[in-house]
Amino acid sequence: MDTKIFYFSGTGNSLAVARDLASNIKGKVELVNIAKEIKKDKIEIKEDCIGIIYPVYFEGTPLIVSRFIDKIQADNGSYFFGIATYGAMAAGAISHLSNKFKSKGLKLSSGFVMQMPGNYTAMYDVKSNDFQDKVFAKEKEKIIKIANIINERKEYPLEKGSFVTNLIFTEIGHNIKAPKFPNQDKNFYSDEKCSSCGTCSKVCPVNNIKLQNAKPEWQHHCEQCFACFHWCPEKAIQYGSKTAKRGRYHHPEIKLNDILIKKE
């Protein structure tokens, strides 16, 4: 039995989870980057087991993941599963994904949430190494349990928050905030440390950053993944007025070359 896992990852959390899961799945497993796959006009999937692993953005599904699902053409008899990685709260992110599948006539057979170190540095600083290590250890444990469920193709209840939490933060909050994501890049800028290396442009999953006069300019179709912010080698990219004194983060097992969308 073949399994295909599609992932979206800005700082490596979801890619790390996808790799850990793949190492515990029986049979042939293929990992596919959503940011590259979505460039196709249509996405035909023939595998009998299909997974989507993605980060939670404001308690919902990233816009690029929603657009990706819109392009999927698959057999509704396949086993679909989802894993949503989150820093602070997942709320109804898996239910949000399930509803996207339902709109395509497909069923999400199982759905899980996985805490990882948060990376939305616009709102908070990077967590300590000690905190990160504890989170990573729990992820390694849980991924084995998830893999066992998937290997047996079990129908498993979708992991989600309470009705009130899901309603407030996902059904209302996310649906209000998500349409504003593309233009939120107006808050990004590069400071005097910028070396014009172009890393920010190369890691952007939607080609939203152009170098103009050797400096990055954002094109207003942002995903809010913060890959540009966290992977800048000079820590020269800022967001608003509070990030200059905050740290940068990427999953320690994931390297820049794993994230690059445009490679020289």
Protein backbone atom coordinates (compact mmCIF):
# COMPACT_ATOMS: atom_id res chain seq x y z
CA MET A 1 0.00 0.00 0.00
CA ASP A 2 1.34 3.42 -0.99
CA THR A 3 1.09 6.58 1.07
CA LYS A 4 1.56 10.13 -0.13
CA ILE A 5 2.02 12.90 2.43
CA PHE A 6 1.60 16.50 1.34
CA TYR A 7 3.09 19.09 3.66
CA PHE A 8 3.27 22.84 3.98
CA SER A 9 6.05 24.22 6.16
CA GLY A 10 7.64 27.63 6.62
CA THR A 11 10.04 26.99 9.49
CA GLY A 12 10.23 23.20 9.34
CA ASN A 13 7.82 22.04 12.04
CA SER A 14 5.35 20.39 9.70
CA LEU A 15 8.13 18.97 7.52
CA ALA A 16 9.78 17.42 10.59
CA VAL A 17 6.47 15.85 11.62
CA ALA A 18 5.97 14.56 8.06
CA ARG A 19 9.42 12.97 8.08
CA ASP A 20 8.91 11.40 11.50
CA LEU A 21 5.56 10.00 10.40
CA ALA A 22 6.96 8.68 7.12
CA SER A 23 9.64 6.73 9.00
CA ASN A 24 6.89 4.91 10.91
CA ILE A 25 4.50 4.23 8.03
CA LYS A 26 4.49 0.80 6.39
CA GLY A 27 5.06 0.50 2.66
CA LYS A 28 6.16 3.12 0.17
CA VAL A 29 5.85 6.72 1.40
CA GLU A 30 6.35 9.87 -0.66
CA LEU A 31 6.63 13.37 0.81
CA VAL A 32 5.44 16.23 -1.41
CA ASN A 33 5.83 19.97 -0.79
CA ILE A 34 2.46 21.67 -1.24
CA ALA A 35 4.15 24.95 -2.21
CA LYS A 36 5.63 23.23 -5.28
CA GLU A 37 2.75 20.87 -6.08
CA ILE A 38 0.13 23.63 -6.08
CA LYS A 39 1.66 25.12 -9.22
CA LYS A 40 -0.06 22.36 -11.20
CA ASP A 41 -3.46 23.07 -12.75
CA LYS A 42 -4.91 19.95 -11.19
CA ILE A 43 -3.55 17.47 -8.68
CA GLU A 44 -4.44 13.85 -9.37
CA ILE A 45 -3.84 11.49 -6.46
CA LYS A 46 -4.02 7.73 -6.95
CA GLU A 47 -2.50 6.47 -3.69
CA ASP A 48 -4.82 4.66 -1.29
CA CYS A 49 -3.55 6.64 1.74
CA ILE A 50 -3.17 10.42 1.59
CA GLY A 51 -2.09 12.81 4.31
CA ILE A 52 -2.01 16.60 4.71
CA ILE A 53 0.35 18.06 7.32
CA TYR A 54 0.27 21.79 7.87
CA PRO A 55 0.65 24.53 10.50
CA VAL A 56 -2.33 26.15 12.19
CA TYR A 57 -2.75 29.80 11.20
CA PHE A 58 -5.07 31.68 13.51
CA GLU A 59 -6.79 28.43 14.47
CA GLY A 60 -7.53 27.43 10.88
CA THR A 61 -6.06 26.11 7.65
CA PRO A 62 -3.46 28.19 5.75
CA LEU A 63 -4.81 29.76 2.58
CA ILE A 64 -2.36 27.84 0.40
CA VAL A 65 -3.55 24.52 1.88
CA SER A 66 -7.17 25.43 1.16
CA ARG A 67 -6.29 26.29 -2.44
CA PHE A 68 -4.37 23.03 -2.71
CA ILE A 69 -7.36 20.95 -1.60
CA ASP A 70 -9.51 22.75 -4.17
CA LYS A 71 -7.25 21.29 -6.87
CA ILE A 72 -7.26 17.72 -5.58
CA GLN A 73 -8.74 14.98 -7.73
CA ALA A 74 -8.85 11.73 -5.80
CA ASP A 75 -10.91 8.60 -5.20
CA ASN A 76 -13.30 9.13 -2.31
CA GLY A 77 -12.50 5.58 -1.24
CA SER A 78 -8.96 6.55 -0.26
CA TYR A 79 -7.94 6.92 3.37
CA PHE A 80 -7.34 10.61 4.14
CA PHE A 81 -5.72 11.92 7.29
CA GLY A 82 -4.53 15.29 8.52
CA ILE A 83 -2.09 16.58 11.11
CA ALA A 84 -2.18 20.22 12.18
CA THR A 85 0.91 21.54 13.98
CA TYR A 86 0.33 24.39 16.39
CA GLY A 87 2.19 26.60 18.83
CA ALA A 88 -0.46 28.08 21.11
CA MET A 89 -3.86 26.61 20.23
CA ALA A 90 -5.29 24.44 17.46
CA ALA A 91 -9.00 24.97 18.26
CA GLY A 92 -11.01 23.69 15.27
CA ALA A 93 -8.18 23.56 12.72
CA ILE A 94 -8.74 19.88 11.94
CA SER A 95 -12.49 20.39 11.64
CA HIS A 96 -11.71 23.27 9.26
CA LEU A 97 -9.64 20.87 7.14
CA SER A 98 -12.40 18.25 7.29
CA ASN A 99 -14.92 20.75 5.97
CA LYS A 100 -12.62 21.52 3.05
CA PHE A 101 -12.54 17.81 2.21
CA LYS A 102 -16.32 17.55 2.48
CA SER A 103 -16.65 20.37 -0.06
CA LYS A 104 -14.76 18.11 -2.47
CA GLY A 105 -16.91 15.09 -1.70
CA LEU A 106 -14.07 13.51 0.28
CA LYS A 107 -13.87 12.29 3.87
CA LEU A 108 -11.13 12.93 6.42
CA SER A 109 -10.86 9.55 8.14
CA SER A 110 -8.62 10.74 10.96
CA GLY A 111 -7.22 14.06 12.12
CA PHE A 112 -4.66 14.97 14.75
CA VAL A 113 -3.12 18.06 16.30
CA MET A 114 0.55 18.24 17.24
CA GLN A 115 2.08 20.89 19.46
CA MET A 116 5.37 22.28 18.19
CA PRO A 117 7.36 25.40 19.13
CA GLY A 118 5.42 28.48 18.07
CA ASN A 119 6.96 30.71 15.40
CA TYR A 120 4.53 33.61 15.01
CA THR A 121 7.07 36.06 16.36
CA ALA A 122 4.89 39.04 15.57
CA MET A 123 2.99 38.17 18.76
CA TYR A 124 5.53 36.45 21.03
CA ASP A 125 9.21 35.58 21.38
CA VAL A 126 10.82 32.26 20.52
CA LYS A 127 10.49 29.60 23.21
CA SER A 128 13.53 28.45 25.22
CA ASN A 129 15.60 25.48 24.08
CA ASP A 130 14.46 23.56 27.16
CA PHE A 131 10.81 24.10 26.23
CA GLN A 132 11.50 23.11 22.63
CA ASP A 133 13.24 19.90 23.67
CA LYS A 134 10.25 18.86 25.79
CA VAL A 135 7.85 19.55 22.92
CA PHE A 136 10.01 17.60 20.47
CA ALA A 137 10.13 14.61 22.82
CA LYS A 138 6.33 14.54 23.09
CA GLU A 139 6.03 14.81 19.32
CA LYS A 140 8.25 11.75 18.84
CA GLU A 141 6.01 9.77 21.21
CA LYS A 142 2.72 10.85 19.70
CA ILE A 143 3.80 10.32 16.12
CA ILE A 144 4.22 6.59 16.79
CA LYS A 145 0.62 6.37 18.02
CA ILE A 146 -0.60 8.29 14.98
CA ALA A 147 1.39 6.03 12.65
CA ASN A 148 -0.20 2.93 14.18
CA ILE A 149 -3.67 4.34 13.51
CA ILE A 150 -2.79 5.22 9.94
CA ASN A 151 -1.10 1.86 9.26
CA GLU A 152 -4.31 0.13 10.27
CA ARG A 153 -6.43 2.63 8.29
CA LYS A 154 -8.57 3.24 11.35
CA GLU A 155 -11.43 5.68 11.46
CA TYR A 156 -10.39 7.96 14.32
CA PRO A 157 -12.26 10.90 15.90
CA LEU A 158 -10.96 14.27 14.75
CA GLU A 159 -8.97 16.01 17.48
CA LYS A 160 -10.45 19.43 18.20
CA GLY A 161 -11.20 21.93 20.92
CA SER A 162 -14.50 22.60 22.65
CA PHE A 163 -17.54 23.76 20.74
CA VAL A 164 -17.16 27.32 22.07
CA THR A 165 -13.44 27.47 21.33
CA ASN A 166 -13.94 26.19 17.80
CA LEU A 167 -16.79 28.60 17.17
CA ILE A 168 -15.01 31.70 18.45
CA PHE A 169 -11.47 31.11 17.22
CA THR A 170 -11.96 29.04 14.05
CA GLU A 171 -15.43 29.53 12.63
CA ILE A 172 -15.52 33.25 13.45
CA GLY A 173 -11.97 34.39 14.18
CA HIS A 174 -10.11 32.59 11.41
CA ASN A 175 -12.73 33.40 8.80
CA ILE A 176 -12.41 37.09 9.65
CA LYS A 177 -8.61 37.17 9.75
CA ALA A 178 -7.63 34.82 6.91
CA PRO A 179 -8.80 37.05 4.02
CA LYS A 180 -6.52 39.76 5.39
CA PHE A 181 -3.37 37.59 5.34
CA PRO A 182 -2.18 38.54 1.82
CA ASN A 183 -1.90 42.23 2.67
CA GLN A 184 -0.43 41.76 6.13
CA ASP A 185 3.00 41.69 4.52
CA LYS A 186 2.85 45.49 4.62
CA ASN A 187 4.31 45.08 8.12
CA PHE A 188 7.48 43.37 6.87
CA TYR A 189 10.63 45.35 6.13
CA SER A 190 14.39 44.82 6.03
CA ASP A 191 16.68 46.79 8.29
CA GLU A 192 20.26 47.98 7.84
CA LYS A 193 21.65 44.44 8.37
CA CYS A 194 20.22 43.24 5.02
CA SER A 195 23.02 41.84 2.83
CA SER A 196 20.87 41.44 -0.31
CA CYS A 197 21.44 37.66 -0.27
CA GLY A 198 17.92 36.92 -1.50
CA THR A 199 17.26 34.08 0.94
CA CYS A 200 13.89 35.61 1.81
CA SER A 201 12.80 35.42 -1.81
CA LYS A 202 14.01 31.84 -2.21
CA VAL A 203 12.13 30.46 0.79
CA CYS A 204 8.83 32.23 0.10
CA PRO A 205 6.27 29.54 -0.81
CA VAL A 206 4.21 31.85 -3.02
CA ASN A 207 6.89 33.97 -4.74
CA ASN A 208 5.73 37.00 -2.77
CA ILE A 209 9.13 38.65 -2.34
CA LYS A 210 11.02 40.46 -5.09
CA LEU A 211 14.39 42.11 -4.76
CA GLN A 212 14.15 45.74 -5.83
CA ASN A 213 17.36 47.75 -5.69
CA ALA A 214 18.87 44.76 -3.88
CA LYS A 215 16.28 44.95 -1.08
CA PRO A 216 13.20 42.74 -0.50
CA GLU A 217 9.78 44.08 -1.38
CA TRP A 218 6.64 42.15 -0.52
CA GLN A 219 3.99 41.77 -3.24
CA HIS A 220 0.83 41.48 -1.13
CA HIS A 221 -0.12 37.85 -1.59
CA CYS A 222 1.48 36.70 1.66
CA GLU A 223 0.71 33.44 3.48
CA GLN A 224 1.99 34.72 6.86
CA CYS A 225 4.30 31.70 7.18
CA PHE A 226 7.18 33.90 8.39
CA ALA A 227 9.74 31.80 6.49
CA CYS A 228 11.42 34.98 5.24
CA PHE A 229 11.67 36.32 8.78
CA HIS A 230 13.07 33.19 10.42
CA TRP A 231 15.48 32.05 7.68
CA CYS A 232 17.16 35.41 7.04
CA PRO A 233 20.82 34.73 7.92
CA GLU A 234 21.36 38.32 9.10
CA LYS A 235 18.12 38.54 11.11
CA ALA A 236 17.49 41.64 9.02
CA ILE A 237 13.79 41.13 8.33
CA GLN A 238 11.43 42.67 10.85
CA TYR A 239 7.67 42.69 11.28
CA GLY A 240 6.21 45.74 12.93
CA SER A 241 7.99 47.42 15.83
CA LYS A 242 8.65 44.58 18.28
CA THR A 243 10.55 41.84 16.46
CA ALA A 244 14.04 43.36 16.41
CA LYS A 245 14.68 42.11 19.94
CA ARG A 246 13.00 38.75 19.44
CA GLY A 247 14.65 35.51 18.38
CA ARG A 248 14.40 33.46 15.22
CA TYR A 249 13.34 29.85 14.96
CA HIS A 250 13.44 26.89 12.67
CA HIS A 251 13.17 23.24 13.53
CA PRO A 252 16.69 22.04 14.40
CA GLU A 253 16.44 18.98 12.14
CA ILE A 254 15.42 21.05 9.12
CA LYS A 255 18.01 22.89 7.05
CA LEU A 256 17.65 25.85 4.71
CA ASN A 257 18.02 23.65 1.65
CA ASP A 258 14.97 21.65 2.78
CA ILE A 259 12.82 24.78 2.69
CA LEU A 260 14.12 26.56 -0.41
CA ILE A 261 11.49 26.94 -3.10
CA LYS A 262 13.85 28.52 -5.61
CA LYS A 263 17.29 26.91 -5.79
CA GLU A 264 20.21 28.19 -7.78
